[in-house]
All heavy atoms as atom14 arrays in JSON, in Angstrom:
{
  "sequence": "FYDVPVMKSADLPEFYKDFGPAQAADSFITDIGTICYTVNLSD",
  "atom14_mask": [
    [1, 1, 1, 1, 1, 1, 1, 1, 1, 1, 1, 0, 0, 0],
    [1, 1, 1, 1, 1, 1, 1, 1, 1, 1, 1, 1, 0, 0],
    [1, 1, 1, 1, 1, 1, 1, 1, 0, 0, 0, 0, 0, 0],
    [1, 1, 1, 1, 1, 1, 1, 0, 0, 0, 0, 0, 0, 0],
    [1, 1, 1, 1, 1, 1, 1, 0, 0, 0, 0, 0, 0, 0],
    [1, 1, 1, 1, 1, 1, 1, 0, 0, 0, 0, 0, 0, 0],
    [1, 1, 1, 1, 1, 1, 1, 1, 0, 0, 0, 0, 0, 0],
    [1, 1, 1, 1, 1, 1, 1, 1, 1, 0, 0, 0, 0, 0],
    [1, 1, 1, 1, 1, 1, 0, 0, 0, 0, 0, 0, 0, 0],
    [1, 1, 1, 1, 1, 0, 0, 0, 0, 0, 0, 0, 0, 0],
    [1, 1, 1, 1, 1, 1, 1, 1, 0, 0, 0, 0, 0, 0],
    [1, 1, 1, 1, 1, 1, 1, 1, 0, 0, 0, 0, 0, 0],
    [1, 1, 1, 1, 1, 1, 1, 0, 0, 0, 0, 0, 0, 0],
    [1, 1, 1, 1, 1, 1, 1, 1, 1, 0, 0, 0, 0, 0],
    [1, 1, 1, 1, 1, 1, 1, 1, 1, 1, 1, 0, 0, 0],
    [1, 1, 1, 1, 1, 1, 1, 1, 1, 1, 1, 1, 0, 0],
    [1, 1, 1, 1, 1, 1, 1, 1, 1, 0, 0, 0, 0, 0],
    [1, 1, 1, 1, 1, 1, 1, 1, 0, 0, 0, 0, 0, 0],
    [1, 1, 1, 1, 1, 1, 1, 1, 1, 1, 1, 0, 0, 0],
    [1, 1, 1, 1, 0, 0, 0, 0, 0, 0, 0, 0, 0, 0],
    [1, 1, 1, 1, 1, 1, 1, 0, 0, 0, 0, 0, 0, 0],
    [1, 1, 1, 1, 1, 0, 0, 0, 0, 0, 0, 0, 0, 0],
    [1, 1, 1, 1, 1, 1, 1, 1, 1, 0, 0, 0, 0, 0],
    [1, 1, 1, 1, 1, 0, 0, 0, 0, 0, 0, 0, 0, 0],
    [1, 1, 1, 1, 1, 0, 0, 0, 0, 0, 0, 0, 0, 0],
    [1, 1, 1, 1, 1, 1, 1, 1, 0, 0, 0, 0, 0, 0],
    [1, 1, 1, 1, 1, 1, 0, 0, 0, 0, 0, 0, 0, 0],
    [1, 1, 1, 1, 1, 1, 1, 1, 1, 1, 1, 0, 0, 0],
    [1, 1, 1, 1, 1, 1, 1, 1, 0, 0, 0, 0, 0, 0],
    [1, 1, 1, 1, 1, 1, 1, 0, 0, 0, 0, 0, 0, 0],
    [1, 1, 1, 1, 1, 1, 1, 1, 0, 0, 0, 0, 0, 0],
    [1, 1, 1, 1, 1, 1, 1, 1, 0, 0, 0, 0, 0, 0],
    [1, 1, 1, 1, 0, 0, 0, 0, 0, 0, 0, 0, 0, 0],
    [1, 1, 1, 1, 1, 1, 1, 0, 0, 0, 0, 0, 0, 0],
    [1, 1, 1, 1, 1, 1, 1, 1, 0, 0, 0, 0, 0, 0],
    [1, 1, 1, 1, 1, 1, 0, 0, 0, 0, 0, 0, 0, 0],
    [1, 1, 1, 1, 1, 1, 1, 1, 1, 1, 1, 1, 0, 0],
    [1, 1, 1, 1, 1, 1, 1, 0, 0, 0, 0, 0, 0, 0],
    [1, 1, 1, 1, 1, 1, 1, 0, 0, 0, 0, 0, 0, 0],
    [1, 1, 1, 1, 1, 1, 1, 1, 0, 0, 0, 0, 0, 0],
    [1, 1, 1, 1, 1, 1, 1, 1, 0, 0, 0, 0, 0, 0],
    [1, 1, 1, 1, 1, 1, 0, 0, 0, 0, 0, 0, 0, 0],
    [1, 1, 1, 1, 1, 1, 1, 1, 0, 0, 0, 0, 0, 0]
  ],
  "atom14_positions": [
    [[111.78, 82.56, 97.24], [111.78, 82.83, 98.68], [112.95, 83.77, 99.01], [114.01, 83.71, 98.41], [111.92, 81.54, 99.48], [110.79, 80.57, 99.26], [110.86, 79.59, 98.28], [109.61, 80.66, 100.0], [109.8, 78.71, 98.07], [108.57, 79.79, 99.8], [108.66, 78.8, 98.83], [0.0, 0.0, 0.0], [0.0, 0.0, 0.0], [0.0, 0.0, 0.0]],
    [[112.7, 84.63, 100.01], [113.69, 85.66, 100.36], [114.17, 85.48, 101.8], [114.45, 86.46, 102.5], [113.03, 87.04, 100.19], [112.58, 87.32, 98.78], [111.3, 86.93, 98.36], [113.43, 87.91, 97.86], [110.89, 87.16, 97.07], [113.02, 88.14, 96.55], [111.75, 87.76, 96.16], [111.34, 88.0, 94.87], [0.0, 0.0, 0.0], [0.0, 0.0, 0.0]],
    [[114.3, 84.24, 102.23], [114.68, 83.95, 103.61], [116.08, 83.36, 103.73], [116.37, 82.57, 104.61], [113.66, 82.98, 104.22], [113.55, 81.68, 103.4], [114.17, 81.59, 102.33], [112.83, 80.76, 103.85], [0.0, 0.0, 0.0], [0.0, 0.0, 0.0], [0.0, 0.0, 0.0], [0.0, 0.0, 0.0], [0.0, 0.0, 0.0], [0.0, 0.0, 0.0]],
    [[116.96, 83.8, 102.83], [118.32, 83.22, 102.77], [119.27, 84.0, 103.69], [119.39, 85.21, 103.57], [118.86, 83.25, 101.33], [120.23, 82.64, 101.25], [117.88, 82.54, 100.38], [0.0, 0.0, 0.0], [0.0, 0.0, 0.0], [0.0, 0.0, 0.0], [0.0, 0.0, 0.0], [0.0, 0.0, 0.0], [0.0, 0.0, 0.0], [0.0, 0.0, 0.0]],
    [[119.92, 83.33, 104.64], [120.93, 84.02, 105.49], [122.05, 84.6, 104.65], [122.54, 83.94, 103.71], [121.43, 82.91, 106.42], [120.35, 81.87, 106.4], [119.76, 81.91, 105.03], [0.0, 0.0, 0.0], [0.0, 0.0, 0.0], [0.0, 0.0, 0.0], [0.0, 0.0, 0.0], [0.0, 0.0, 0.0], [0.0, 0.0, 0.0], [0.0, 0.0, 0.0]],
    [[122.47, 85.83, 104.95], [123.51, 86.49, 104.17], [124.67, 86.95, 105.03], [124.54, 87.08, 106.25], [122.93, 87.7, 103.41], [121.9, 87.29, 102.41], [122.36, 88.72, 104.36], [0.0, 0.0, 0.0], [0.0, 0.0, 0.0], [0.0, 0.0, 0.0], [0.0, 0.0, 0.0], [0.0, 0.0, 0.0], [0.0, 0.0, 0.0], [0.0, 0.0, 0.0]],
    [[125.77, 87.2, 104.37], [126.96, 87.73, 105.01], [126.79, 89.22, 105.23], [126.29, 89.92, 104.37], [128.18, 87.46, 104.13], [129.51, 87.93, 104.71], [130.14, 86.86, 106.01], [130.65, 85.44, 105.03], [0.0, 0.0, 0.0], [0.0, 0.0, 0.0], [0.0, 0.0, 0.0], [0.0, 0.0, 0.0], [0.0, 0.0, 0.0], [0.0, 0.0, 0.0]],
    [[127.24, 89.7, 106.38], [127.24, 91.14, 106.66], [128.55, 91.74, 106.14], [129.6, 91.09, 106.17], [127.11, 91.41, 108.16], [125.83, 90.81, 108.77], [124.58, 91.41, 108.17], [123.31, 90.89, 108.84], [122.09, 91.4, 108.2], [0.0, 0.0, 0.0], [0.0, 0.0, 0.0], [0.0, 0.0, 0.0], [0.0, 0.0, 0.0], [0.0, 0.0, 0.0]],
    [[128.48, 92.98, 105.71], [129.66, 93.62, 105.13], [130.83, 93.66, 106.14], [131.98, 93.42, 105.76], [129.33, 95.05, 104.69], [128.86, 95.83, 105.77], [0.0, 0.0, 0.0], [0.0, 0.0, 0.0], [0.0, 0.0, 0.0], [0.0, 0.0, 0.0], [0.0, 0.0, 0.0], [0.0, 0.0, 0.0], [0.0, 0.0, 0.0], [0.0, 0.0, 0.0]],
    [[130.54, 93.9, 107.39], [131.61, 94.01, 108.41], [132.25, 92.66, 108.73], [133.35, 92.64, 109.34], [131.05, 94.64, 109.69], [0.0, 0.0, 0.0], [0.0, 0.0, 0.0], [0.0, 0.0, 0.0], [0.0, 0.0, 0.0], [0.0, 0.0, 0.0], [0.0, 0.0, 0.0], [0.0, 0.0, 0.0], [0.0, 0.0, 0.0], [0.0, 0.0, 0.0]],
    [[131.61, 91.57, 108.31], [132.18, 90.23, 108.6], [133.07, 89.72, 107.47], [133.77, 88.72, 107.65], [131.02, 89.23, 108.81], [130.19, 89.54, 110.05], [130.74, 90.15, 110.98], [129.01, 89.18, 110.06], [0.0, 0.0, 0.0], [0.0, 0.0, 0.0], [0.0, 0.0, 0.0], [0.0, 0.0, 0.0], [0.0, 0.0, 0.0], [0.0, 0.0, 0.0]],
    [[133.07, 90.41, 106.35], [133.83, 89.93, 105.21], [135.34, 89.9, 105.41], [136.01, 88.94, 105.01], [133.47, 90.75, 103.96], [132.09, 90.47, 103.38], [131.67, 91.57, 102.39], [132.08, 89.11, 102.66], [0.0, 0.0, 0.0], [0.0, 0.0, 0.0], [0.0, 0.0, 0.0], [0.0, 0.0, 0.0], [0.0, 0.0, 0.0], [0.0, 0.0, 0.0]],
    [[135.96, 90.95, 106.01], [137.41, 90.92, 106.18], [137.91, 89.73, 106.99], [138.91, 89.1, 106.64], [137.72, 92.24, 106.89], [136.61, 93.15, 106.47], [135.39, 92.26, 106.4], [0.0, 0.0, 0.0], [0.0, 0.0, 0.0], [0.0, 0.0, 0.0], [0.0, 0.0, 0.0], [0.0, 0.0, 0.0], [0.0, 0.0, 0.0], [0.0, 0.0, 0.0]],
    [[137.21, 89.38, 108.06], [137.62, 88.24, 108.89], [137.36, 86.93, 108.13], [138.18, 86.02, 108.17], [136.83, 88.25, 110.2], [137.12, 87.05, 111.1], [138.53, 86.98, 111.62], [139.25, 88.02, 111.63], [138.98, 85.86, 111.98], [0.0, 0.0, 0.0], [0.0, 0.0, 0.0], [0.0, 0.0, 0.0], [0.0, 0.0, 0.0], [0.0, 0.0, 0.0]],
    [[136.24, 86.85, 107.45], [135.88, 85.59, 106.74], [136.92, 85.29, 105.65], [137.29, 84.11, 105.47], [134.5, 85.76, 106.12], [133.97, 84.48, 105.5], [133.33, 83.54, 106.27], [134.1, 84.25, 104.14], [132.83, 82.37, 105.72], [133.62, 83.08, 103.56], [132.98, 82.12, 104.36], [0.0, 0.0, 0.0], [0.0, 0.0, 0.0], [0.0, 0.0, 0.0]],
    [[137.39, 86.31, 104.96], [138.35, 86.11, 103.89], [139.77, 86.57, 104.27], [140.56, 86.91, 103.4], [137.89, 86.87, 102.61], [136.71, 86.19, 101.92], [135.46, 86.81, 101.9], [136.87, 84.97, 101.29], [134.39, 86.2, 101.25], [135.8, 84.37, 100.65], [134.56, 84.97, 100.61], [133.5, 84.37, 100.0], [0.0, 0.0, 0.0], [0.0, 0.0, 0.0]],
    [[140.07, 86.52, 105.53], [141.36, 87.06, 106.01], [142.55, 86.33, 105.39], [143.62, 86.94, 105.21], [141.44, 87.0, 107.52], [141.47, 85.56, 108.11], [141.59, 85.6, 109.62], [141.67, 84.18, 110.18], [141.77, 84.2, 111.65], [0.0, 0.0, 0.0], [0.0, 0.0, 0.0], [0.0, 0.0, 0.0], [0.0, 0.0, 0.0], [0.0, 0.0, 0.0]],
    [[142.39, 85.07, 105.06], [143.51, 84.3, 104.5], [143.76, 84.6, 103.03], [144.7, 84.04, 102.45], [143.27, 82.8, 104.69], [143.31, 82.38, 106.16], [144.01, 83.05, 106.92], [142.62, 81.41, 106.51], [0.0, 0.0, 0.0], [0.0, 0.0, 0.0], [0.0, 0.0, 0.0], [0.0, 0.0, 0.0], [0.0, 0.0, 0.0], [0.0, 0.0, 0.0]],
    [[142.96, 85.46, 102.47], [143.08, 85.76, 101.05], [143.3, 87.27, 100.86], [142.61, 87.94, 100.07], [141.83, 85.28, 100.31], [141.59, 83.82, 100.56], [140.67, 83.42, 101.52], [142.33, 82.87, 99.88], [140.45, 82.08, 101.77], [142.14, 81.51, 100.12], [141.19, 81.12, 101.07], [0.0, 0.0, 0.0], [0.0, 0.0, 0.0], [0.0, 0.0, 0.0]],
    [[144.27, 87.8, 101.61], [144.65, 89.17, 101.47], [144.81, 89.95, 102.76], [145.91, 90.42, 103.07], [0.0, 0.0, 0.0], [0.0, 0.0, 0.0], [0.0, 0.0, 0.0], [0.0, 0.0, 0.0], [0.0, 0.0, 0.0], [0.0, 0.0, 0.0], [0.0, 0.0, 0.0], [0.0, 0.0, 0.0], [0.0, 0.0, 0.0], [0.0, 0.0, 0.0]],
    [[143.74, 90.09, 103.56], [143.84, 90.87, 104.76], [144.97, 90.42, 105.73], [145.67, 91.26, 106.28], [142.46, 90.69, 105.42], [141.54, 90.53, 104.25], [142.34, 89.72, 103.25], [0.0, 0.0, 0.0], [0.0, 0.0, 0.0], [0.0, 0.0, 0.0], [0.0, 0.0, 0.0], [0.0, 0.0, 0.0], [0.0, 0.0, 0.0], [0.0, 0.0, 0.0]],
    [[145.16, 89.11, 105.89], [146.2, 88.63, 106.8], [147.61, 88.82, 106.25], [148.56, 88.82, 107.02], [145.98, 87.14, 107.11], [0.0, 0.0, 0.0], [0.0, 0.0, 0.0], [0.0, 0.0, 0.0], [0.0, 0.0, 0.0], [0.0, 0.0, 0.0], [0.0, 0.0, 0.0], [0.0, 0.0, 0.0], [0.0, 0.0, 0.0], [0.0, 0.0, 0.0]],
    [[147.72, 89.02, 104.93], [149.02, 89.22, 104.32], [149.3, 90.69, 104.03], [150.35, 91.04, 103.46], [149.09, 88.44, 103.0], [148.98, 86.93, 103.11], [147.58, 86.43, 103.33], [146.61, 87.01, 102.82], [147.42, 85.4, 104.14], [0.0, 0.0, 0.0], [0.0, 0.0, 0.0], [0.0, 0.0, 0.0], [0.0, 0.0, 0.0], [0.0, 0.0, 0.0]],
    [[148.41, 91.55, 104.46], [148.52, 92.98, 104.11], [149.71, 93.66, 104.77], [150.02, 93.44, 105.93], [147.23, 93.7, 104.48], [0.0, 0.0, 0.0], [0.0, 0.0, 0.0], [0.0, 0.0, 0.0], [0.0, 0.0, 0.0], [0.0, 0.0, 0.0], [0.0, 0.0, 0.0], [0.0, 0.0, 0.0], [0.0, 0.0, 0.0], [0.0, 0.0, 0.0]],
    [[150.35, 94.56, 103.99], [151.39, 95.4, 104.54], [150.78, 96.58, 105.29], [151.36, 97.09, 106.25], [152.31, 95.91, 103.44], [0.0, 0.0, 0.0], [0.0, 0.0, 0.0], [0.0, 0.0, 0.0], [0.0, 0.0, 0.0], [0.0, 0.0, 0.0], [0.0, 0.0, 0.0], [0.0, 0.0, 0.0], [0.0, 0.0, 0.0], [0.0, 0.0, 0.0]],
    [[149.59, 96.99, 104.86], [148.86, 98.07, 105.54], [147.38, 97.9, 105.14], [147.07, 97.31, 104.1], [149.36, 99.42, 105.11], [148.95, 100.53, 106.08], [148.19, 100.25, 107.03], [149.39, 101.68, 105.9], [0.0, 0.0, 0.0], [0.0, 0.0, 0.0], [0.0, 0.0, 0.0], [0.0, 0.0, 0.0], [0.0, 0.0, 0.0], [0.0, 0.0, 0.0]],
    [[146.45, 98.38, 105.96], [145.04, 98.2, 105.67], [144.23, 99.36, 106.23], [144.69, 100.13, 107.08], [144.53, 96.86, 106.23], [144.65, 96.86, 107.64], [0.0, 0.0, 0.0], [0.0, 0.0, 0.0], [0.0, 0.0, 0.0], [0.0, 0.0, 0.0], [0.0, 0.0, 0.0], [0.0, 0.0, 0.0], [0.0, 0.0, 0.0], [0.0, 0.0, 0.0]],
    [[143.0, 99.43, 105.73], [142.06, 100.49, 106.15], [140.67, 99.87, 106.22], [140.23, 99.24, 105.25], [142.07, 101.64, 105.16], [141.09, 102.74, 105.44], [141.42, 103.78, 106.28], [139.81, 102.72, 104.87], [140.53, 104.8, 106.55], [138.9, 103.71, 105.14], [139.25, 104.76, 105.99], [0.0, 0.0, 0.0], [0.0, 0.0, 0.0], [0.0, 0.0, 0.0]],
    [[139.97, 100.06, 107.3], [138.6, 99.54, 107.44], [137.64, 100.68, 107.1], [137.7, 101.78, 107.66], [138.34, 99.05, 108.87], [139.29, 97.89, 109.22], [136.87, 98.57, 109.01], [139.15, 96.67, 108.32], [0.0, 0.0, 0.0], [0.0, 0.0, 0.0], [0.0, 0.0, 0.0], [0.0, 0.0, 0.0], [0.0, 0.0, 0.0], [0.0, 0.0, 0.0]],
    [[136.73, 100.41, 106.18], [135.8, 101.41, 105.7], [134.67, 101.61, 106.69], [134.53, 100.89, 107.68], [135.2, 101.01, 104.34], [134.32, 99.9, 104.55], [136.28, 100.6, 103.37], [0.0, 0.0, 0.0], [0.0, 0.0, 0.0], [0.0, 0.0, 0.0], [0.0, 0.0, 0.0], [0.0, 0.0, 0.0], [0.0, 0.0, 0.0], [0.0, 0.0, 0.0]],
    [[133.8, 102.58, 106.39], [132.67, 102.89, 107.27], [131.68, 101.74, 107.37], [130.94, 101.67, 108.36], [131.94, 104.13, 106.76], [132.74, 105.42, 106.95], [133.8, 105.33, 107.6], [132.32, 106.47, 106.45], [0.0, 0.0, 0.0], [0.0, 0.0, 0.0], [0.0, 0.0, 0.0], [0.0, 0.0, 0.0], [0.0, 0.0, 0.0], [0.0, 0.0, 0.0]],
    [[131.64, 100.86, 106.38], [130.72, 99.72, 106.44], [131.42, 98.44, 106.87], [130.84, 97.35, 106.81], [130.01, 99.51, 105.09], [131.0, 99.22, 103.97], [129.15, 100.71, 104.74], [130.35, 98.79, 102.66], [0.0, 0.0, 0.0], [0.0, 0.0, 0.0], [0.0, 0.0, 0.0], [0.0, 0.0, 0.0], [0.0, 0.0, 0.0], [0.0, 0.0, 0.0]],
    [[132.68, 98.57, 107.29], [133.39, 97.43, 107.83], [134.15, 96.59, 106.86], [134.77, 95.58, 107.23], [0.0, 0.0, 0.0], [0.0, 0.0, 0.0], [0.0, 0.0, 0.0], [0.0, 0.0, 0.0], [0.0, 0.0, 0.0], [0.0, 0.0, 0.0], [0.0, 0.0, 0.0], [0.0, 0.0, 0.0], [0.0, 0.0, 0.0], [0.0, 0.0, 0.0]],
    [[134.14, 96.97, 105.57], [134.95, 96.24, 104.61], [136.38, 96.75, 104.64], [136.69, 97.7, 105.34], [134.36, 96.42, 103.19], [134.19, 97.82, 102.93], [133.0, 95.74, 103.09], [0.0, 0.0, 0.0], [0.0, 0.0, 0.0], [0.0, 0.0, 0.0], [0.0, 0.0, 0.0], [0.0, 0.0, 0.0], [0.0, 0.0, 0.0], [0.0, 0.0, 0.0]],
    [[137.26, 96.11, 103.89], [138.69, 96.41, 104.04], [139.33, 96.79, 102.71], [139.03, 96.21, 101.65], [139.43, 95.19, 104.67], [140.88, 95.57, 105.05], [139.4, 93.99, 103.73], [141.57, 94.5, 105.87], [0.0, 0.0, 0.0], [0.0, 0.0, 0.0], [0.0, 0.0, 0.0], [0.0, 0.0, 0.0], [0.0, 0.0, 0.0], [0.0, 0.0, 0.0]],
    [[140.2, 97.79, 102.78], [141.15, 98.09, 101.72], [142.53, 97.71, 102.26], [142.8, 97.87, 103.45], [141.15, 99.58, 101.37], [139.56, 100.24, 100.82], [0.0, 0.0, 0.0], [0.0, 0.0, 0.0], [0.0, 0.0, 0.0], [0.0, 0.0, 0.0], [0.0, 0.0, 0.0], [0.0, 0.0, 0.0], [0.0, 0.0, 0.0], [0.0, 0.0, 0.0]],
    [[143.41, 97.2, 101.42], [144.72, 96.82, 101.89], [145.75, 96.87, 100.77], [145.41, 96.84, 99.58], [144.68, 95.44, 102.55], [144.34, 94.3, 101.62], [145.32, 93.57, 100.95], [143.0, 93.96, 101.4], [145.01, 92.51, 100.12], [142.68, 92.9, 100.56], [143.68, 92.19, 99.92], [143.35, 91.15, 99.08], [0.0, 0.0, 0.0], [0.0, 0.0, 0.0]],
    [[147.01, 96.94, 101.18], [148.13, 96.86, 100.26], [148.88, 95.56, 100.48], [149.17, 95.2, 101.63], [149.1, 98.03, 100.47], [148.39, 99.26, 100.33], [150.22, 97.99, 99.46], [0.0, 0.0, 0.0], [0.0, 0.0, 0.0], [0.0, 0.0, 0.0], [0.0, 0.0, 0.0], [0.0, 0.0, 0.0], [0.0, 0.0, 0.0], [0.0, 0.0, 0.0]],
    [[149.19, 94.86, 99.4], [149.98, 93.65, 99.52], [151.27, 93.84, 98.72], [151.24, 94.35, 97.59], [149.19, 92.41, 99.02], [148.79, 92.55, 97.59], [150.0, 91.14, 99.23], [0.0, 0.0, 0.0], [0.0, 0.0, 0.0], [0.0, 0.0, 0.0], [0.0, 0.0, 0.0], [0.0, 0.0, 0.0], [0.0, 0.0, 0.0], [0.0, 0.0, 0.0]],
    [[152.38, 93.5, 99.34], [153.7, 93.58, 98.67], [154.04, 92.22, 98.07], [154.35, 91.28, 98.78], [154.78, 94.01, 99.68], [154.52, 95.4, 100.27], [153.76, 96.17, 99.7], [155.13, 95.68, 101.39], [0.0, 0.0, 0.0], [0.0, 0.0, 0.0], [0.0, 0.0, 0.0], [0.0, 0.0, 0.0], [0.0, 0.0, 0.0], [0.0, 0.0, 0.0]],
    [[153.97, 92.13, 96.75], [154.31, 90.89, 96.09], [155.82, 90.67, 96.03], [156.3, 89.53, 95.97], [153.73, 90.85, 94.68], [152.19, 90.92, 94.61], [151.76, 90.87, 93.13], [151.55, 89.81, 95.37], [0.0, 0.0, 0.0], [0.0, 0.0, 0.0], [0.0, 0.0, 0.0], [0.0, 0.0, 0.0], [0.0, 0.0, 0.0], [0.0, 0.0, 0.0]],
    [[156.55, 91.77, 96.04], [158.01, 91.74, 96.06], [158.47, 93.13, 96.49], [157.68, 94.01, 96.78], [158.57, 91.39, 94.65], [158.39, 92.5, 93.78], [0.0, 0.0, 0.0], [0.0, 0.0, 0.0], [0.0, 0.0, 0.0], [0.0, 0.0, 0.0], [0.0, 0.0, 0.0], [0.0, 0.0, 0.0], [0.0, 0.0, 0.0], [0.0, 0.0, 0.0]],
    [[159.8, 93.32, 96.51], [160.32, 94.64, 96.86], [159.92, 95.7, 95.83], [159.86, 96.88, 96.13], [161.86, 94.6, 96.94], [162.35, 93.79, 98.13], [161.54, 93.59, 99.06], [163.51, 93.34, 98.11], [0.0, 0.0, 0.0], [0.0, 0.0, 0.0], [0.0, 0.0, 0.0], [0.0, 0.0, 0.0], [0.0, 0.0, 0.0], [0.0, 0.0, 0.0]]
  ]
}
C-alpha cells in the first residue's frame, strides 16, 4: 500500500531542531526548505 503519511522536506529542520539546527553557529535554508548549518564543537 502507498498511503503512508510522509514528512515534507521543509518540515525537517524544525522536526530535528534539537539535533543540530538549534545549536548552529550559522545556517542556510535551501530551496526545498532543508537546512545546512555550521556547529562549533570547540574554539
